[in-house]
Amino acid sequence: MSTYDQLQALTRFILPEDILDNFDIVSIEQLGEELHIHLDEQLILPDGYSADTVSSNGFSPESQIHDFPIRDRKVELFIRRRRWRENDTGKSISRELTLTSKGTRYTIGFASFLKELFR
């Protein structure tokens, strides 16, 4: 297993499930006691569309999501979702991805953990 593959495997244990299947890590910053991980959505077409019917149209504004702490550092994911434009109508669309627990800014796993912790 190459060093890259090992780092990829380790990262899959640290970040939320399936995040690396949909996003690329753009940068990682340590700011005091916080770890900021910036991710951009990969160039994956929305379901039901082809490269002939839609075009990538940049990114939506960055959203901030709280995840499990790592080594006593608060972890914030800064995620930019890709926007797509239908070529014939100009309508803006995006892929259906559930990144947070409903009604929160927490990853699904972290929200479930906190819910159990405070029962």
C-alpha atoms as a PDB file:
ATOM      1  CA  MET A   1       0.000   0.000   0.000  1.00  0.00           C
ATOM      2  CA  SER A   2       1.479   3.354  -1.024  1.00  0.00           C
ATOM      3  CA  THR A   3       1.891   6.254   1.385  1.00  0.00           C
ATOM      4  CA  TYR A   4      -0.941   8.075  -0.406  1.00  0.00           C
ATOM      5  CA  ASP A   5      -3.254   5.066   0.023  1.00  0.00           C
ATOM      6  CA  GLN A   6      -2.350   4.849   3.709  1.00  0.00           C
ATOM      7  CA  LEU A   7      -3.110   8.539   4.247  1.00  0.00           C
ATOM      8  CA  GLN A   8      -6.374   8.156   2.333  1.00  0.00           C
ATOM      9  CA  ALA A   9      -7.376   5.214   4.552  1.00  0.00           C
ATOM     10  CA  LEU A  10      -6.509   7.145   7.723  1.00  0.00           C
ATOM     11  CA  THR A  11      -8.454  10.192   6.532  1.00  0.00           C
ATOM     12  CA  ARG A  12     -11.538   8.014   5.956  1.00  0.00           C
ATOM     13  CA  PHE A  13     -11.461   7.100   9.661  1.00  0.00           C
ATOM     14  CA  ILE A  14     -11.216  10.750  10.729  1.00  0.00           C
ATOM     15  CA  LEU A  15     -13.714  12.504   8.448  1.00  0.00           C
ATOM     16  CA  PRO A  16     -17.454  11.760   8.258  1.00  0.00           C
ATOM     17  CA  GLU A  17     -18.478   8.637   6.372  1.00  0.00           C
ATOM     18  CA  ASP A  18     -18.364   8.952   2.572  1.00  0.00           C
ATOM     19  CA  ILE A  19     -17.131  12.576   2.654  1.00  0.00           C
ATOM     20  CA  LEU A  20     -14.085  11.727   0.520  1.00  0.00           C
ATOM     21  CA  ASP A  21     -16.351  10.064  -2.052  1.00  0.00           C
ATOM     22  CA  ASN A  22     -17.996  13.439  -2.691  1.00  0.00           C
ATOM     23  CA  PHE A  23     -15.494  16.119  -1.644  1.00  0.00           C
ATOM     24  CA  ASP A  24     -11.824  16.972  -2.070  1.00  0.00           C
ATOM     25  CA  ILE A  25      -9.779  18.443   0.764  1.00  0.00           C
ATOM     26  CA  VAL A  26      -8.660  21.896  -0.372  1.00  0.00           C
ATOM     27  CA  SER A  27      -6.828  23.030   2.752  1.00  0.00           C
ATOM     28  CA  ILE A  28      -6.359  22.317   6.450  1.00  0.00           C
ATOM     29  CA  GLU A  29      -5.629  25.071   8.965  1.00  0.00           C
ATOM     30  CA  GLN A  30      -4.924  24.964  12.674  1.00  0.00           C
ATOM     31  CA  LEU A  31      -6.195  28.156  14.264  1.00  0.00           C
ATOM     32  CA  GLY A  32      -5.496  28.099  17.989  1.00  0.00           C
ATOM     33  CA  GLU A  33      -7.499  25.206  19.413  1.00  0.00           C
ATOM     34  CA  GLU A  34      -9.517  24.720  16.221  1.00  0.00           C
ATOM     35  CA  LEU A  35      -8.895  22.641  13.126  1.00  0.00           C
ATOM     36  CA  HIS A  36     -10.492  24.027   9.953  1.00  0.00           C
ATOM     37  CA  ILE A  37     -10.858  21.601   7.055  1.00  0.00           C
ATOM     38  CA  HIS A  38     -11.922  23.142   3.738  1.00  0.00           C
ATOM     39  CA  LEU A  39     -13.634  20.840   1.229  1.00  0.00           C
ATOM     40  CA  ASP A  40     -14.953  21.361  -2.304  1.00  0.00           C
ATOM     41  CA  GLU A  41     -17.568  19.098  -3.876  1.00  0.00           C
ATOM     42  CA  GLN A  42     -16.131  16.917  -6.624  1.00  0.00           C
ATOM     43  CA  LEU A  43     -17.145  17.261 -10.245  1.00  0.00           C
ATOM     44  CA  ILE A  44     -19.814  14.525 -10.077  1.00  0.00           C
ATOM     45  CA  LEU A  45     -22.953  15.052 -12.152  1.00  0.00           C
ATOM     46  CA  PRO A  46     -26.338  15.158 -10.380  1.00  0.00           C
ATOM     47  CA  ASP A  47     -28.411  11.980 -10.775  1.00  0.00           C
ATOM     48  CA  GLY A  48     -30.447  11.934 -13.958  1.00  0.00           C
ATOM     49  CA  TYR A  49     -28.237  14.422 -15.820  1.00  0.00           C
ATOM     50  CA  SER A  50     -25.468  14.030 -18.380  1.00  0.00           C
ATOM     51  CA  ALA A  51     -22.547  16.238 -19.364  1.00  0.00           C
ATOM     52  CA  ASP A  52     -24.620  17.286 -22.400  1.00  0.00           C
ATOM     53  CA  THR A  53     -27.503  18.640 -20.293  1.00  0.00           C
ATOM     54  CA  VAL A  54     -25.733  20.463 -17.431  1.00  0.00           C
ATOM     55  CA  SER A  55     -22.617  22.567 -16.883  1.00  0.00           C
ATOM     56  CA  SER A  56     -20.689  23.216 -13.702  1.00  0.00           C
ATOM     57  CA  ASN A  57     -21.492  26.725 -12.505  1.00  0.00           C
ATOM     58  CA  GLY A  58     -19.028  27.312  -9.674  1.00  0.00           C
ATOM     59  CA  PHE A  59     -19.784  26.806  -5.999  1.00  0.00           C
ATOM     60  CA  SER A  60     -22.421  27.874  -3.514  1.00  0.00           C
ATOM     61  CA  PRO A  61     -21.241  29.983  -0.574  1.00  0.00           C
ATOM     62  CA  GLU A  62     -19.210  28.025   1.954  1.00  0.00           C
ATOM     63  CA  SER A  63     -21.135  26.416   4.827  1.00  0.00           C
ATOM     64  CA  GLN A  64     -19.681  25.527   8.210  1.00  0.00           C
ATOM     65  CA  ILE A  65     -20.373  22.164   9.864  1.00  0.00           C
ATOM     66  CA  HIS A  66     -19.216  20.974  13.302  1.00  0.00           C
ATOM     67  CA  ASP A  67     -17.626  17.518  13.562  1.00  0.00           C
ATOM     68  CA  PHE A  68     -15.987  15.357  16.235  1.00  0.00           C
ATOM     69  CA  PRO A  69     -12.982  16.943  17.976  1.00  0.00           C
ATOM     70  CA  ILE A  70      -9.556  15.607  17.005  1.00  0.00           C
ATOM     71  CA  ARG A  71      -6.759  15.612  19.589  1.00  0.00           C
ATOM     72  CA  ASP A  72      -8.662  18.088  21.790  1.00  0.00           C
ATOM     73  CA  ARG A  73      -9.183  20.466  18.877  1.00  0.00           C
ATOM     74  CA  LYS A  74     -12.604  21.615  17.780  1.00  0.00           C
ATOM     75  CA  VAL A  75     -13.145  20.525  14.151  1.00  0.00           C
ATOM     76  CA  GLU A  76     -14.993  22.734  11.684  1.00  0.00           C
ATOM     77  CA  LEU A  77     -15.668  21.580   8.139  1.00  0.00           C
ATOM     78  CA  PHE A  78     -16.010  24.391   5.611  1.00  0.00           C
ATOM     79  CA  ILE A  79     -17.861  22.927   2.659  1.00  0.00           C
ATOM     80  CA  ARG A  80     -18.447  24.401  -0.771  1.00  0.00           C
ATOM     81  CA  ARG A  81     -21.209  22.647  -2.701  1.00  0.00           C
ATOM     82  CA  ARG A  82     -20.962  22.606  -6.478  1.00  0.00           C
ATOM     83  CA  ARG A  83     -23.668  24.400  -8.465  1.00  0.00           C
ATOM     84  CA  TRP A  84     -24.864  23.081 -11.796  1.00  0.00           C
ATOM     85  CA  ARG A  85     -26.791  24.886 -14.511  1.00  0.00           C
ATOM     86  CA  GLU A  86     -29.215  23.181 -16.878  1.00  0.00           C
ATOM     87  CA  ASN A  87     -27.998  24.112 -20.354  1.00  0.00           C
ATOM     88  CA  ASP A  88     -31.434  24.501 -21.932  1.00  0.00           C
ATOM     89  CA  THR A  89     -33.303  26.306 -19.106  1.00  0.00           C
ATOM     90  CA  GLY A  90     -30.515  28.001 -17.147  1.00  0.00           C
ATOM     91  CA  LYS A  91     -32.036  26.555 -13.955  1.00  0.00           C
ATOM     92  CA  SER A  92     -29.572  26.114 -11.075  1.00  0.00           C
ATOM     93  CA  ILE A  93     -29.404  22.637  -9.523  1.00  0.00           C
ATOM     94  CA  SER A  94     -27.214  20.699  -7.105  1.00  0.00           C
ATOM     95  CA  ARG A  95     -26.726  17.098  -6.040  1.00  0.00           C
ATOM     96  CA  GLU A  96     -28.786  15.674  -3.185  1.00  0.00           C
ATOM     97  CA  LEU A  97     -26.370  15.100  -0.305  1.00  0.00           C
ATOM     98  CA  THR A  98     -27.228  14.901   3.391  1.00  0.00           C
ATOM     99  CA  LEU A  99     -24.269  16.286   5.315  1.00  0.00           C
ATOM    100  CA  THR A 100     -25.834  17.383   8.607  1.00  0.00           C
ATOM    101  CA  SER A 101     -28.327  16.059  11.098  1.00  0.00           C
ATOM    102  CA  LYS A 102     -31.727  17.639  10.433  1.00  0.00           C
ATOM    103  CA  GLY A 103     -32.081  21.094  11.997  1.00  0.00           C
ATOM    104  CA  THR A 104     -28.431  21.314  13.078  1.00  0.00           C
ATOM    105  CA  ARG A 105     -25.009  22.336  11.811  1.00  0.00           C
ATOM    106  CA  TYR A 106     -23.519  19.071  13.153  1.00  0.00           C
ATOM    107  CA  THR A 107     -22.407  16.083  11.092  1.00  0.00           C
ATOM    108  CA  ILE A 108     -24.810  13.163  11.392  1.00  0.00           C
ATOM    109  CA  GLY A 109     -22.382  11.061  13.443  1.00  0.00           C
ATOM    110  CA  PHE A 110     -21.469  13.890  15.826  1.00  0.00           C
ATOM    111  CA  ALA A 111     -25.133  14.838  16.354  1.00  0.00           C
ATOM    112  CA  SER A 112     -26.006  11.192  17.147  1.00  0.00           C
ATOM    113  CA  PHE A 113     -23.115  11.009  19.614  1.00  0.00           C
ATOM    114  CA  LEU A 114     -24.209  14.215  21.376  1.00  0.00           C
ATOM    115  CA  LYS A 115     -27.827  13.054  21.491  1.00  0.00           C
ATOM    116  CA  GLU A 116     -26.793   9.820  23.241  1.00  0.00           C
ATOM    117  CA  LEU A 117     -24.411  11.659  25.554  1.00  0.00           C
ATOM    118  CA  PHE A 118     -27.110  14.006  26.852  1.00  0.00           C
ATOM    119  CA  ARG A 119     -29.919  11.446  27.276  1.00  0.00           C
END
